[in-house]
Amino acid sequence: MDGKITFDALDWLSAIGASELDEATQTNGTIVISDTSNSDIFDAVVERLDVGTEVVFL
């Protein structure tokens, strides 16, 4: 069975405001988004994972 997964990360991040990114904690100059780093942003992204995501099985 072949399959295809497509996603648009911009849809996931569309709920994140510029001020949230400006205030995000950085690790070595990089914004890490995980359940332990910048968890508020992580939670907002997780809530939008179904937006802009499509799975097709052939």
Protein backbone atom coordinates (compact mmCIF):
# COMPACT_ATOMS: atom_id res chain seq x y z
CA MET A 1 0.00 0.00 0.00
CA ASP A 2 1.38 3.39 -0.99
CA GLY A 3 0.53 6.51 0.90
CA LYS A 4 1.16 10.20 0.93
CA ILE A 5 1.20 12.66 3.80
CA THR A 6 1.08 16.37 3.12
CA PHE A 7 1.14 19.20 5.61
CA ASP A 8 1.44 22.94 5.70
CA ALA A 9 3.38 24.09 8.75
CA LEU A 10 2.30 27.68 8.08
CA ASP A 11 -1.25 26.64 8.98
CA TRP A 12 0.02 25.22 12.26
CA LEU A 13 1.89 28.40 13.14
CA SER A 14 -0.79 30.83 11.95
CA ALA A 15 -2.25 30.97 15.47
CA ILE A 16 1.08 32.19 16.88
CA GLY A 17 1.49 35.95 17.07
CA ALA A 18 4.70 37.84 16.42
CA SER A 19 4.77 39.00 20.04
CA GLU A 20 4.70 35.37 21.23
CA LEU A 21 7.70 34.57 19.06
CA ASP A 22 9.48 37.75 20.19
CA GLU A 23 9.00 36.70 23.81
CA ALA A 24 9.84 33.02 23.28
CA THR A 25 12.78 31.50 25.12
CA GLN A 26 15.75 30.87 22.84
CA THR A 27 18.33 28.10 23.12
CA ASN A 28 21.63 29.07 21.48
CA GLY A 29 19.74 31.60 19.33
CA THR A 30 17.07 29.12 18.23
CA ILE A 31 13.43 29.03 19.30
CA VAL A 32 12.77 25.44 20.35
CA ILE A 33 9.08 24.54 20.49
CA SER A 34 8.36 21.43 22.55
CA ASP A 35 6.32 20.33 25.54
CA THR A 36 9.13 21.53 27.81
CA SER A 37 10.36 24.62 25.94
CA ASN A 38 7.95 27.38 24.93
CA SER A 39 5.12 25.03 25.92
CA ASP A 40 2.39 27.65 25.32
CA ILE A 41 3.42 27.88 21.67
CA PHE A 42 3.71 24.08 21.50
CA ASP A 43 0.17 23.64 22.85
CA ALA A 44 -1.22 26.10 20.29
CA VAL A 45 0.54 24.27 17.46
CA VAL A 46 -0.64 20.84 18.66
CA GLU A 47 -4.24 22.08 18.67
CA ARG A 48 -3.88 22.98 14.96
CA LEU A 49 -2.18 19.80 13.71
CA ASP A 50 -5.35 18.68 11.95
CA VAL A 51 -5.46 21.96 9.98
CA GLY A 52 -3.63 21.76 6.68
CA THR A 53 -2.75 18.08 7.14
CA GLU A 54 -3.90 15.36 4.79
CA VAL A 55 -3.19 11.64 4.60
CA VAL A 56 -4.05 9.62 1.50
CA PHE A 57 -3.70 5.82 1.29
CA LEU A 58 -3.78 4.24 -2.14
